[in-house]
Amino acid sequence: MLPTRHRMRTSAQFSATVRSGARSGRRNVVVSVRLNTGEDTRVGFVVSKAVGNAVIRNKVKRRLRELTAQTVREHPRDLAVVVRALPAAAGASWQELGRDYAAAFDGAVRRKR
């Protein structure tokens, strides 16, 4: 579970990250990363109705939260991350989702730095 201080709460935080951050996508997710100097790392999720019904969307969000918890442990400060689930994420296995998230996150961080 992500601690409250590591969660994005406002639409302004989401917008700033998506608009000015580096983006990298894979089959199941698109990850946007922005440098957030001097602040705790914050993570937000976008899982639209295109992904599936409420049960599927929540399953995808739970999996993504667990994957991003590792990111927060490795990078506790200076990043803002938005993870957008694509419709293919609904049918993805845990391993596929993890592999796609890791590759997209690494790609976005490389572009930003």
PDB file of N, CA and C in Angstrom:
ATOM      1  N   MET A   1       0.841  -1.178   0.000  1.00  0.00           N
ATOM      2  CA  MET A   1       0.000   0.000   0.000  1.00  0.00           C
ATOM      3  C   MET A   1       0.886   1.241   0.000  1.00  0.00           C
ATOM      4  N   LEU A   2       0.489   2.220  -0.770  1.00  0.00           N
ATOM      5  CA  LEU A   2       1.239   3.471  -0.825  1.00  0.00           C
ATOM      6  C   LEU A   2       0.826   4.382   0.327  1.00  0.00           C
ATOM      7  N   PRO A   3       1.787   4.909   1.067  1.00  0.00           N
ATOM      8  CA  PRO A   3       1.450   5.878   2.114  1.00  0.00           C
ATOM      9  C   PRO A   3       0.807   7.123   1.490  1.00  0.00           C
ATOM     10  N   THR A   4      -0.018   7.805   2.242  1.00  0.00           N
ATOM     11  CA  THR A   4      -0.745   8.976   1.754  1.00  0.00           C
ATOM     12  C   THR A   4       0.191  10.029   1.170  1.00  0.00           C
ATOM     13  N   ARG A   5       1.322  10.240   1.783  1.00  0.00           N
ATOM     14  CA  ARG A   5       2.227  11.294   1.300  1.00  0.00           C
ATOM     15  C   ARG A   5       2.808  10.978  -0.079  1.00  0.00           C
ATOM     16  N   HIS A   6       2.684   9.738  -0.539  1.00  0.00           N
ATOM     17  CA  HIS A   6       3.199   9.350  -1.851  1.00  0.00           C
ATOM     18  C   HIS A   6       2.102   9.235  -2.907  1.00  0.00           C
ATOM     19  N   ARG A   7       0.889   9.682  -2.589  1.00  0.00           N
ATOM     20  CA  ARG A   7      -0.212   9.598  -3.546  1.00  0.00           C
ATOM     21  C   ARG A   7      -0.513  10.967  -4.137  1.00  0.00           C
ATOM     22  N   MET A   8      -0.787  10.993  -5.425  1.00  0.00           N
ATOM     23  CA  MET A   8      -1.259  12.224  -6.055  1.00  0.00           C
ATOM     24  C   MET A   8      -2.721  12.387  -5.696  1.00  0.00           C
ATOM     25  N   ARG A   9      -3.099  13.608  -5.356  1.00  0.00           N
ATOM     26  CA  ARG A   9      -4.466  13.856  -4.917  1.00  0.00           C
ATOM     27  C   ARG A   9      -5.223  14.841  -5.811  1.00  0.00           C
ATOM     28  N   THR A  10      -4.529  15.789  -6.416  1.00  0.00           N
ATOM     29  CA  THR A  10      -5.235  16.844  -7.149  1.00  0.00           C
ATOM     30  C   THR A  10      -5.052  16.696  -8.652  1.00  0.00           C
ATOM     31  N   SER A  11      -6.012  17.231  -9.385  1.00  0.00           N
ATOM     32  CA  SER A  11      -5.915  17.184 -10.841  1.00  0.00           C
ATOM     33  C   SER A  11      -4.729  18.016 -11.329  1.00  0.00           C
ATOM     34  N   ALA A  12      -4.350  19.050 -10.579  1.00  0.00           N
ATOM     35  CA  ALA A  12      -3.194  19.867 -10.957  1.00  0.00           C
ATOM     36  C   ALA A  12      -1.909  19.042 -10.929  1.00  0.00           C
ATOM     37  N   GLN A  13      -1.779  18.163  -9.943  1.00  0.00           N
ATOM     38  CA  GLN A  13      -0.595  17.297  -9.872  1.00  0.00           C
ATOM     39  C   GLN A  13      -0.562  16.342 -11.063  1.00  0.00           C
ATOM     40  N   PHE A  14      -1.712  15.758 -11.400  1.00  0.00           N
ATOM     41  CA  PHE A  14      -1.783  14.855 -12.545  1.00  0.00           C
ATOM     42  C   PHE A  14      -1.448  15.607 -13.830  1.00  0.00           C
ATOM     43  N   SER A  15      -2.075  16.762 -14.020  1.00  0.00           N
ATOM     44  CA  SER A  15      -1.872  17.548 -15.245  1.00  0.00           C
ATOM     45  C   SER A  15      -0.424  17.962 -15.421  1.00  0.00           C
ATOM     46  N   ALA A  16       0.195  18.449 -14.359  1.00  0.00           N
ATOM     47  CA  ALA A  16       1.591  18.887 -14.450  1.00  0.00           C
ATOM     48  C   ALA A  16       2.498  17.730 -14.845  1.00  0.00           C
ATOM     49  N   THR A  17       2.255  16.568 -14.295  1.00  0.00           N
ATOM     50  CA  THR A  17       3.099  15.412 -14.593  1.00  0.00           C
ATOM     51  C   THR A  17       2.897  14.938 -16.025  1.00  0.00           C
ATOM     52  N   VAL A  18       1.655  14.843 -16.456  1.00  0.00           N
ATOM     53  CA  VAL A  18       1.375  14.346 -17.804  1.00  0.00           C
ATOM     54  C   VAL A  18       1.836  15.348 -18.859  1.00  0.00           C
ATOM     55  N   ARG A  19       1.637  16.642 -18.608  1.00  0.00           N
ATOM     56  CA  ARG A  19       1.988  17.652 -19.611  1.00  0.00           C
ATOM     57  C   ARG A  19       3.484  17.923 -19.704  1.00  0.00           C
ATOM     58  N   SER A  20       4.169  17.991 -18.572  1.00  0.00           N
ATOM     59  CA  SER A  20       5.584  18.376 -18.621  1.00  0.00           C
ATOM     60  C   SER A  20       6.533  17.219 -18.352  1.00  0.00           C
ATOM     61  N   GLY A  21       6.000  16.045 -18.119  1.00  0.00           N
ATOM     62  CA  GLY A  21       6.862  14.901 -17.827  1.00  0.00           C
ATOM     63  C   GLY A  21       7.251  14.137 -19.079  1.00  0.00           C
ATOM     64  N   ALA A  22       8.238  13.274 -18.921  1.00  0.00           N
ATOM     65  CA  ALA A  22       8.646  12.381 -20.004  1.00  0.00           C
ATOM     66  C   ALA A  22       7.713  11.183 -19.992  1.00  0.00           C
ATOM     67  N   ARG A  23       7.359  10.701 -21.177  1.00  0.00           N
ATOM     68  CA  ARG A  23       6.388   9.623 -21.284  1.00  0.00           C
ATOM     69  C   ARG A  23       6.998   8.432 -22.009  1.00  0.00           C
ATOM     70  N   SER A  24       6.638   7.249 -21.546  1.00  0.00           N
ATOM     71  CA  SER A  24       7.064   6.020 -22.202  1.00  0.00           C
ATOM     72  C   SER A  24       5.926   5.020 -22.092  1.00  0.00           C
ATOM     73  N   GLY A  25       5.626   4.351 -23.191  1.00  0.00           N
ATOM     74  CA  GLY A  25       4.500   3.426 -23.186  1.00  0.00           C
ATOM     75  C   GLY A  25       4.884   2.025 -23.615  1.00  0.00           C
ATOM     76  N   ARG A  26       4.099   1.088 -23.173  1.00  0.00           N
ATOM     77  CA  ARG A  26       4.207  -0.314 -23.555  1.00  0.00           C
ATOM     78  C   ARG A  26       2.796  -0.809 -23.854  1.00  0.00           C
ATOM     79  N   ARG A  27       2.655  -2.084 -24.089  1.00  0.00           N
ATOM     80  CA  ARG A  27       1.360  -2.642 -24.481  1.00  0.00           C
ATOM     81  C   ARG A  27       0.273  -2.404 -23.430  1.00  0.00           C
ATOM     82  N   ASN A  28       0.613  -2.494 -22.162  1.00  0.00           N
ATOM     83  CA  ASN A  28      -0.384  -2.431 -21.095  1.00  0.00           C
ATOM     84  C   ASN A  28      -0.448  -1.113 -20.333  1.00  0.00           C
ATOM     85  N   VAL A  29       0.619  -0.330 -20.346  1.00  0.00           N
ATOM     86  CA  VAL A  29       0.656   0.907 -19.559  1.00  0.00           C
ATOM     87  C   VAL A  29       1.428   2.007 -20.282  1.00  0.00           C
ATOM     88  N   VAL A  30       1.103   3.239 -19.905  1.00  0.00           N
ATOM     89  CA  VAL A  30       1.885   4.412 -20.295  1.00  0.00           C
ATOM     90  C   VAL A  30       2.299   5.080 -18.989  1.00  0.00           C
ATOM     91  N   VAL A  31       3.593   5.369 -18.843  1.00  0.00           N
ATOM     92  CA  VAL A  31       4.112   5.977 -17.618  1.00  0.00           C
ATOM     93  C   VAL A  31       4.664   7.362 -17.942  1.00  0.00           C
ATOM     94  N   SER A  32       4.226   8.366 -17.186  1.00  0.00           N
ATOM     95  CA  SER A  32       4.753   9.728 -17.292  1.00  0.00           C
ATOM     96  C   SER A  32       5.528  10.030 -16.021  1.00  0.00           C
ATOM     97  N   VAL A  33       6.740  10.582 -16.189  1.00  0.00           N
ATOM     98  CA  VAL A  33       7.597  10.890 -15.043  1.00  0.00           C
ATOM     99  C   VAL A  33       8.053  12.337 -15.146  1.00  0.00           C
ATOM    100  N   ARG A  34       7.952  13.056 -14.027  1.00  0.00           N
ATOM    101  CA  ARG A  34       8.417  14.439 -13.960  1.00  0.00           C
ATOM    102  C   ARG A  34       9.289  14.581 -12.723  1.00  0.00           C
ATOM    103  N   LEU A  35      10.367  15.358 -12.844  1.00  0.00           N
ATOM    104  CA  LEU A  35      11.196  15.629 -11.672  1.00  0.00           C
ATOM    105  C   LEU A  35      10.439  16.573 -10.751  1.00  0.00           C
ATOM    106  N   ASN A  36      10.429  16.258  -9.480  1.00  0.00           N
ATOM    107  CA  ASN A  36       9.667  16.984  -8.470  1.00  0.00           C
ATOM    108  C   ASN A  36      10.633  17.319  -7.336  1.00  0.00           C
ATOM    109  N   THR A  37      11.639  18.111  -7.634  1.00  0.00           N
ATOM    110  CA  THR A  37      12.770  18.341  -6.747  1.00  0.00           C
ATOM    111  C   THR A  37      12.359  18.799  -5.356  1.00  0.00           C
ATOM    112  N   GLY A  38      12.933  18.136  -4.364  1.00  0.00           N
ATOM    113  CA  GLY A  38      12.733  18.513  -2.979  1.00  0.00           C
ATOM    114  C   GLY A  38      11.456  17.996  -2.342  1.00  0.00           C
ATOM    115  N   GLU A  39      10.684  17.207  -3.051  1.00  0.00           N
ATOM    116  CA  GLU A  39       9.433  16.686  -2.501  1.00  0.00           C
ATOM    117  C   GLU A  39       9.451  15.164  -2.506  1.00  0.00           C
ATOM    118  N   ASP A  40       8.549  14.583  -1.735  1.00  0.00           N
ATOM    119  CA  ASP A  40       8.401  13.129  -1.756  1.00  0.00           C
ATOM    120  C   ASP A  40       7.934  12.684  -3.136  1.00  0.00           C
ATOM    121  N   THR A  41       8.317  11.488  -3.524  1.00  0.00           N
ATOM    122  CA  THR A  41       7.819  10.913  -4.769  1.00  0.00           C
ATOM    123  C   THR A  41       6.317  10.721  -4.635  1.00  0.00           C
ATOM    124  N   ARG A  42       5.594  11.131  -5.672  1.00  0.00           N
ATOM    125  CA  ARG A  42       4.134  10.968  -5.687  1.00  0.00           C
ATOM    126  C   ARG A  42       3.739  10.142  -6.898  1.00  0.00           C
ATOM    127  N   VAL A  43       2.762   9.264  -6.706  1.00  0.00           N
ATOM    128  CA  VAL A  43       2.305   8.377  -7.769  1.00  0.00           C
ATOM    129  C   VAL A  43       0.797   8.515  -7.920  1.00  0.00           C
ATOM    130  N   GLY A  44       0.336   8.563  -9.177  1.00  0.00           N
ATOM    131  CA  GLY A  44      -1.096   8.602  -9.465  1.00  0.00           C
ATOM    132  C   GLY A  44      -1.434   7.598 -10.549  1.00  0.00           C
ATOM    133  N   PHE A  45      -2.690   7.187 -10.588  1.00  0.00           N
ATOM    134  CA  PHE A  45      -3.132   6.172 -11.543  1.00  0.00           C
ATOM    135  C   PHE A  45      -4.325   6.671 -12.332  1.00  0.00           C
ATOM    136  N   VAL A  46      -4.349   6.305 -13.619  1.00  0.00           N
ATOM    137  CA  VAL A  46      -5.485   6.590 -14.477  1.00  0.00           C
ATOM    138  C   VAL A  46      -5.909   5.254 -15.073  1.00  0.00           C
ATOM    139  N   VAL A  47      -7.093   4.795 -14.684  1.00  0.00           N
ATOM    140  CA  VAL A  47      -7.631   3.534 -15.200  1.00  0.00           C
ATOM    141  C   VAL A  47      -9.058   3.832 -15.652  1.00  0.00           C
ATOM    142  N   SER A  48      -9.239   4.022 -16.956  1.00  0.00           N
ATOM    143  CA  SER A  48     -10.537   4.446 -17.478  1.00  0.00           C
ATOM    144  C   SER A  48     -11.496   3.268 -17.640  1.00  0.00           C
ATOM    145  N   LYS A  49     -12.739   3.592 -17.958  1.00  0.00           N
ATOM    146  CA  LYS A  49     -13.750   2.557 -18.172  1.00  0.00           C
ATOM    147  C   LYS A  49     -13.439   1.690 -19.385  1.00  0.00           C
ATOM    148  N   ALA A  50     -12.574   2.165 -20.264  1.00  0.00           N
ATOM    149  CA  ALA A  50     -12.180   1.361 -21.423  1.00  0.00           C
ATOM    150  C   ALA A  50     -11.431   0.103 -20.998  1.00  0.00           C
ATOM    151  N   VAL A  51     -10.857   0.117 -19.802  1.00  0.00           N
ATOM    152  CA  VAL A  51     -10.121  -1.048 -19.296  1.00  0.00           C
ATOM    153  C   VAL A  51     -11.086  -2.174 -18.952  1.00  0.00           C
ATOM    154  N   GLY A  52     -12.261  -1.841 -18.454  1.00  0.00           N
ATOM    155  CA  GLY A  52     -13.239  -2.876 -18.108  1.00  0.00           C
ATOM    156  C   GLY A  52     -14.209  -2.380 -17.058  1.00  0.00           C
ATOM    157  N   ASN A  53     -14.965  -3.317 -16.502  1.00  0.00           N
ATOM    158  CA  ASN A  53     -15.926  -2.932 -15.470  1.00  0.00           C
ATOM    159  C   ASN A  53     -15.195  -2.601 -14.168  1.00  0.00           C
ATOM    160  N   ALA A  54     -15.944  -2.224 -13.142  1.00  0.00           N
ATOM    161  CA  ALA A  54     -15.340  -1.762 -11.885  1.00  0.00           C
ATOM    162  C   ALA A  54     -14.444  -2.815 -11.247  1.00  0.00           C
ATOM    163  N   VAL A  55     -14.847  -4.066 -11.310  1.00  0.00           N
ATOM    164  CA  VAL A  55     -14.050  -5.141 -10.708  1.00  0.00           C
ATOM    165  C   VAL A  55     -12.694  -5.249 -11.399  1.00  0.00           C
ATOM    166  N   ILE A  56     -12.691  -5.216 -12.715  1.00  0.00           N
ATOM    167  CA  ILE A  56     -11.444  -5.319 -13.487  1.00  0.00           C
ATOM    168  C   ILE A  56     -10.577  -4.091 -13.258  1.00  0.00           C
ATOM    169  N   ARG A  57     -11.186  -2.897 -13.287  1.00  0.00           N
ATOM    170  CA  ARG A  57     -10.411  -1.670 -13.074  1.00  0.00           C
ATOM    171  C   ARG A  57      -9.739  -1.679 -11.711  1.00  0.00           C
ATOM    172  N   ASN A  58     -10.463  -2.105 -10.686  1.00  0.00           N
ATOM    173  CA  ASN A  58      -9.879  -2.150  -9.345  1.00  0.00           C
ATOM    174  C   ASN A  58      -8.775  -3.189  -9.244  1.00  0.00           C
ATOM    175  N   LYS A  59      -8.923  -4.315  -9.916  1.00  0.00           N
ATOM    176  CA  LYS A  59      -7.865  -5.329  -9.926  1.00  0.00           C
ATOM    177  C   LYS A  59      -6.597  -4.763 -10.562  1.00  0.00           C
ATOM    178  N   VAL A  60      -6.767  -4.064 -11.685  1.00  0.00           N
ATOM    179  CA  VAL A  60      -5.617  -3.455 -12.364  1.00  0.00           C
ATOM    180  C   VAL A  60      -4.973  -2.407 -11.455  1.00  0.00           C
ATOM    181  N   LYS A  61      -5.780  -1.577 -10.789  1.00  0.00           N
ATOM    182  CA  LYS A  61      -5.227  -0.554  -9.888  1.00  0.00           C
ATOM    183  C   LYS A  61      -4.469  -1.174  -8.722  1.00  0.00           C
ATOM    184  N   ARG A  62      -5.007  -2.238  -8.144  1.00  0.00           N
ATOM    185  CA  ARG A  62      -4.310  -2.908  -7.029  1.00  0.00           C
ATOM    186  C   ARG A  62      -2.952  -3.432  -7.480  1.00  0.00           C
ATOM    187  N   ARG A  63      -2.921  -4.028  -8.654  1.00  0.00           N
ATOM    188  CA  ARG A  63      -1.647  -4.546  -9.170  1.00  0.00           C
ATOM    189  C   ARG A  63      -0.660  -3.407  -9.420  1.00  0.00           C
ATOM    190  N   LEU A  64      -1.137  -2.326 -10.026  1.00  0.00           N
ATOM    191  CA  LEU A  64      -0.251  -1.191 -10.305  1.00  0.00           C
ATOM    192  C   LEU A  64       0.242  -0.537  -9.020  1.00  0.00           C
ATOM    193  N   ARG A  65      -0.620  -0.439  -8.013  1.00  0.00           N
ATOM    194  CA  ARG A  65      -0.185   0.120  -6.729  1.00  0.00           C
ATOM    195  C   ARG A  65       0.949  -0.700  -6.131  1.00  0.00           C
ATOM    196  N   GLU A  66       0.837  -2.003  -6.206  1.00  0.00           N
ATOM    197  CA  GLU A  66       1.889  -2.865  -5.661  1.00  0.00           C
ATOM    198  C   GLU A  66       3.189  -2.693  -6.449  1.00  0.00           C
ATOM    199  N   LEU A  67       3.091  -2.594  -7.766  1.00  0.00           N
ATOM    200  CA  LEU A  67       4.292  -2.397  -8.584  1.00  0.00           C
ATOM    201  C   LEU A  67       4.950  -1.049  -8.291  1.00  0.00           C
ATOM    202  N   THR A  68       4.150  -0.006  -8.113  1.00  0.00           N
ATOM    203  CA  THR A  68       4.733   1.314  -7.868  1.00  0.00           C
ATOM    204  C   THR A  68       5.267   1.458  -6.452  1.00  0.00           C
ATOM    205  N   ALA A  69       4.801   0.648  -5.527  1.00  0.00           N
ATOM    206  CA  ALA A  69       5.332   0.705  -4.156  1.00  0.00           C
ATOM    207  C   ALA A  69       6.833   0.431  -4.163  1.00  0.00           C
ATOM    208  N   GLN A  70       7.272  -0.475  -5.016  1.00  0.00           N
ATOM    209  CA  GLN A  70       8.705  -0.760  -5.145  1.00  0.00           C
ATOM    210  C   GLN A  70       9.439   0.472  -5.686  1.00  0.00           C
ATOM    211  N   THR A  71       8.835   1.167  -6.643  1.00  0.00           N
ATOM    212  CA  THR A  71       9.429   2.385  -7.189  1.00  0.00           C
ATOM    213  C   THR A  71       9.614   3.424  -6.090  1.00  0.00           C
ATOM    214  N   VAL A  72       8.610   3.583  -5.241  1.00  0.00           N
ATOM    215  CA  VAL A  72       8.684   4.564  -4.156  1.00  0.00           C
ATOM    216  C   VAL A  72       9.788   4.191  -3.172  1.00  0.00           C
ATOM    217  N   ARG A  73       9.948   2.894  -2.904  1.00  0.00           N
ATOM    218  CA  ARG A  73      11.030   2.472  -1.998  1.00  0.00           C
ATOM    219  C   ARG A  73      12.404   2.774  -2.598  1.00  0.00           C
ATOM    220  N   GLU A  74      12.550   2.619  -3.911  1.00  0.00           N
ATOM    221  CA  GLU A  74      13.839   2.865  -4.566  1.00  0.00           C
ATOM    222  C   GLU A  74      14.098   4.350  -4.803  1.00  0.00           C
ATOM    223  N   HIS A  75      13.047   5.125  -5.030  1.00  0.00           N
ATOM    224  CA  HIS A  75      13.151   6.564  -5.321  1.00  0.00           C
ATOM    225  C   HIS A  75      12.196   7.319  -4.392  1.00  0.00           C
ATOM    226  N   PRO A  76      12.526   7.461  -3.108  1.00  0.00           N
ATOM    227  CA  PRO A  76      11.574   8.060  -2.166  1.00  0.00           C
ATOM    228  C   PRO A  76      11.347   9.560  -2.353  1.00  0.00           C
ATOM    229  N   ARG A  77      12.208  10.232  -3.115  1.00  0.00           N
ATOM    230  CA  ARG A  77      12.064  11.675  -3.288  1.00  0.00           C
ATOM    231  C   ARG A  77      12.280  12.066  -4.748  1.00  0.00           C
ATOM    232  N   ASP A  78      11.767  13.241  -5.091  1.00  0.00           N
ATOM    233  CA  ASP A  78      12.077  13.954  -6.328  1.00  0.00           C
ATOM    234  C   ASP A  78      11.383  13.469  -7.599  1.00  0.00           C
ATOM    235  N   LEU A  79      10.417  12.566  -7.546  1.00  0.00           N
ATOM    236  CA  LEU A  79       9.725  12.144  -8.761  1.00  0.00           C
ATOM    237  C   LEU A  79       8.215  12.295  -8.610  1.00  0.00           C
ATOM    238  N   ALA A  80       7.567  12.597  -9.727  1.00  0.00           N
ATOM    239  CA  ALA A  80       6.109  12.528  -9.826  1.00  0.00           C
ATOM    240  C   ALA A  80       5.831  11.538 -10.950  1.00  0.00           C
ATOM    241  N   VAL A  81       5.012  10.535 -10.688  1.00  0.00           N
ATOM    242  CA  VAL A  81       4.774   9.451 -11.646  1.00  0.00           C
ATOM    243  C   VAL A  81       3.271   9.280 -11.843  1.00  0.00           C
ATOM    244  N   VAL A  82       2.836   9.262 -13.107  1.00  0.00           N
ATOM    245  CA  VAL A  82       1.449   8.930 -13.433  1.00  0.00           C
ATOM    246  C   VAL A  82       1.478   7.675 -14.289  1.00  0.00           C
ATOM    247  N   VAL A  83       0.723   6.665 -13.867  1.00  0.00           N
ATOM    248  CA  VAL A  83       0.639   5.400 -14.592  1.00  0.00           C
ATOM    249  C   VAL A  83      -0.763   5.306 -15.184  1.00  0.00           C
ATOM    250  N   ARG A  84      -0.839   5.238 -16.512  1.00  0.00           N
ATOM    251  CA  ARG A  84      -2.129   5.108 -17.197  1.00  0.00           C
ATOM    252  C   ARG A  84      -2.257   3.694 -17.728  1.00  0.00           C
ATOM    253  N   ALA A  85      -3.280   2.993 -17.294  1.00  0.00           N
ATOM    254  CA  ALA A  85      -3.516   1.626 -17.751  1.00  0.00           C
ATOM    255  C   ALA A  85      -4.232   1.676 -19.099  1.00  0.00           C
ATOM    256  N   LEU A  86      -3.779   0.872 -20.031  1.00  0.00           N
ATOM    257  CA  LEU A  86      -4.420   0.754 -21.330  1.00  0.00           C
ATOM    258  C   LEU A  86      -5.398  -0.422 -21.294  1.00  0.00           C
ATOM    259  N   PRO A  87      -6.350  -0.483 -22.231  1.00  0.00           N
ATOM    260  CA  PRO A  87      -7.338  -1.567 -22.202  1.00  0.00           C
ATOM    261  C   PRO A  87      -6.733  -2.973 -22.157  1.00  0.00           C
ATOM    262  N   ALA A  88      -5.575  -3.164 -22.746  1.00  0.00           N
ATOM    263  CA  ALA A  88      -4.938  -4.488 -22.739  1.00  0.00           C
ATOM    264  C   ALA A  88      -4.542  -4.926 -21.331  1.00  0.00           C
ATOM    265  N   ALA A  89      -4.427  -3.989 -20.394  1.00  0.00           N
ATOM    266  CA  ALA A  89      -4.030  -4.326 -19.022  1.00  0.00           C
ATOM    267  C   ALA A  89      -5.053  -5.224 -18.337  1.00  0.00           C
ATOM    268  N   ALA A  90      -6.301  -5.176 -18.790  1.00  0.00           N
ATOM    269  CA  ALA A  90      -7.353  -5.989 -18.171  1.00  0.00           C
ATOM    270  C   ALA A  90      -7.055  -7.479 -18.291  1.00  0.00           C
ATOM    271  N   GLY A  91      -6.470  -7.886 -19.398  1.00  0.00           N
ATOM    272  CA  GLY A  91      -6.189  -9.303 -19.608  1.00  0.00           C
ATOM    273  C   GLY A  91      -4.753  -9.691 -19.351  1.00  0.00           C
ATOM    274  N   ALA A  92      -3.954  -8.755 -18.889  1.00  0.00           N
ATOM    275  CA  ALA A  92      -2.522  -9.024 -18.685  1.00  0.00           C
ATOM    276  C   ALA A  92      -2.295  -9.809 -17.401  1.00  0.00           C
ATOM    277  N   SER A  93      -1.325 -10.700 -17.452  1.00  0.00           N
ATOM    278  CA  SER A  93      -0.939 -11.421 -16.237  1.00  0.00           C
ATOM    279  C   SER A  93      -0.117 -10.486 -15.354  1.00  0.00           C
ATOM    280  N   TRP A  94       0.078 -10.906 -14.114  1.00  0.00           N
ATOM    281  CA  TRP A  94       0.893 -10.144 -13.163  1.00  0.00           C
ATOM    282  C   TRP A  94       2.289  -9.915 -13.738  1.00  0.00           C
ATOM    283  N   GLN A  95       2.884 -10.941 -14.335  1.00  0.00           N
ATOM    284  CA  GLN A  95       4.236 -10.838 -14.880  1.00  0.00           C
ATOM    285  C   GLN A  95       4.286  -9.872 -16.062  1.00  0.00           C
ATOM    286  N   GLU A  96       3.301  -9.951 -16.957  1.00  0.00           N
ATOM    287  CA  GLU A  96       3.269  -9.041 -18.105  1.00  0.00           C
ATOM    288  C   GLU A  96       3.122  -7.592 -17.650  1.00  0.00           C
ATOM    289  N   LEU A  97       2.224  -7.370 -16.718  1.00  0.00           N
ATOM    290  CA  LEU A  97       2.005  -6.014 -16.219  1.00  0.00           C
ATOM    291  C   LEU A  97       3.269  -5.481 -15.546  1.00  0.00           C
ATOM    292  N   GLY A  98       3.916  -6.314 -14.751  1.00  0.00           N
ATOM    293  CA  GLY A  98       5.158  -5.916 -14.085  1.00  0.00           C
ATOM    294  C   GLY A  98       6.271  -5.605 -15.066  1.00  0.00           C
ATOM    295  N   ARG A  99       6.409  -6.446 -16.079  1.00  0.00           N
ATOM    296  CA  ARG A  99       7.447  -6.244 -17.092  1.00  0.00           C
ATOM    297  C   ARG A  99       7.193  -4.949 -17.869  1.00  0.00           C
ATOM    298  N   ASP A 100       5.935  -4.725 -18.272  1.00  0.00           N
ATOM    299  CA  ASP A 100       5.605  -3.512 -19.020  1.00  0.00           C
ATOM    300  C   ASP A 100       5.789  -2.258 -18.170  1.00  0.00           C
ATOM    301  N   TYR A 101       5.358  -2.317 -16.906  1.00  0.00           N
ATOM    302  CA  TYR A 101       5.530  -1.158 -16.028  1.00  0.00           C
ATOM    303  C   TYR A 101       7.011  -0.831 -15.848  1.00  0.00           C
ATOM    304  N   ALA A 102       7.821  -1.842 -15.561  1.00  0.00           N
ATOM    305  CA  ALA A 102       9.255  -1.612 -15.328  1.00  0.00           C
ATOM    306  C   ALA A 102       9.917  -1.018 -16.566  1.00  0.00           C
ATOM    307  N   ALA A 103       9.603  -1.554 -17.737  1.00  0.00           N
ATOM    308  CA  ALA A 103      10.208  -1.053 -18.974  1.00  0.00           C
ATOM    309  C   ALA A 103       9.753   0.377 -19.268  1.00  0.00           C
ATOM    310  N   ALA A 104       8.468   0.657 -19.073  1.00  0.00           N
ATOM    311  CA  ALA A 104       7.957   2.004 -19.335  1.00  0.00           C
ATOM    312  C   ALA A 104       8.525   3.007 -18.334  1.00  0.00           C
ATOM    313  N   PHE A 105       8.598   2.626 -17.064  1.00  0.00           N
ATOM    314  CA  PHE A 105       9.156   3.520 -16.044  1.00  0.00           C
ATOM    315  C   PHE A 105      10.617   3.824 -16.350  1.00  0.00           C
ATOM    316  N   ASP A 106      11.413   2.799 -16.642  1.00  0.00           N
ATOM    317  CA  ASP A 106      12.829   3.009 -16.961  1.00  0.00           C
ATOM    318  C   ASP A 106      12.992   3.897 -18.186  1.00  0.00           C
ATOM    319  N   GLY A 107      12.163   3.679 -19.207  1.00  0.00           N
ATOM    320  CA  GLY A 107      12.235   4.501 -20.410  1.00  0.00           C
ATOM    321  C   GLY A 107      11.909   5.956 -20.134  1.00  0.00           C
ATOM    322  N   ALA A 108      10.893   6.209 -19.336  1.00  0.00           N
ATOM    323  CA  ALA A 108      10.507   7.587 -19.015  1.00  0.00           C
ATOM    324  C   ALA A 108      11.578   8.275 -18.175  1.00  0.00           C
ATOM    325  N   VAL A 109      12.163   7.558 -17.219  1.00  0.00           N
ATOM    326  CA  VAL A 109      13.218   8.146 -16.379  1.00  0.00           C
ATOM    327  C   VAL A 109      14.440   8.476 -17.232  1.00  0.00           C
ATOM    328  N   ARG A 110      14.791   7.586 -18.149  1.00  0.00           N
ATOM    329  CA  ARG A 110      15.938   7.848 -19.037  1.00  0.00           C
ATOM    330  C   ARG A 110      15.698   9.101 -19.872  1.00  0.00           C
ATOM    331  N   ARG A 111      14.496   9.270 -20.372  1.00  0.00           N
ATOM    332  CA  ARG A 111      14.179  10.450 -21.186  1.00  0.00           C
ATOM    333  C   ARG A 111      14.216  11.734 -20.364  1.00  0.00           C
ATOM    334  N   LYS A 112      13.799  11.641 -19.120  1.00  0.00           N
ATOM    335  CA  LYS A 112      13.705  12.847 -18.291  1.00  0.00           C
ATOM    336  C   LYS A 112      15.059  13.321 -17.793  1.00  0.00           C
ATOM    337  N   ARG A 113      15.969  12.413 -17.562  1.00  0.00           N
ATOM    338  CA  ARG A 113      17.256  12.823 -16.986  1.00  0.00           C
ATOM    339  C   ARG A 113      18.244  13.128 -18.019  1.00  0.00           C
TER     340      ARG A 113
END
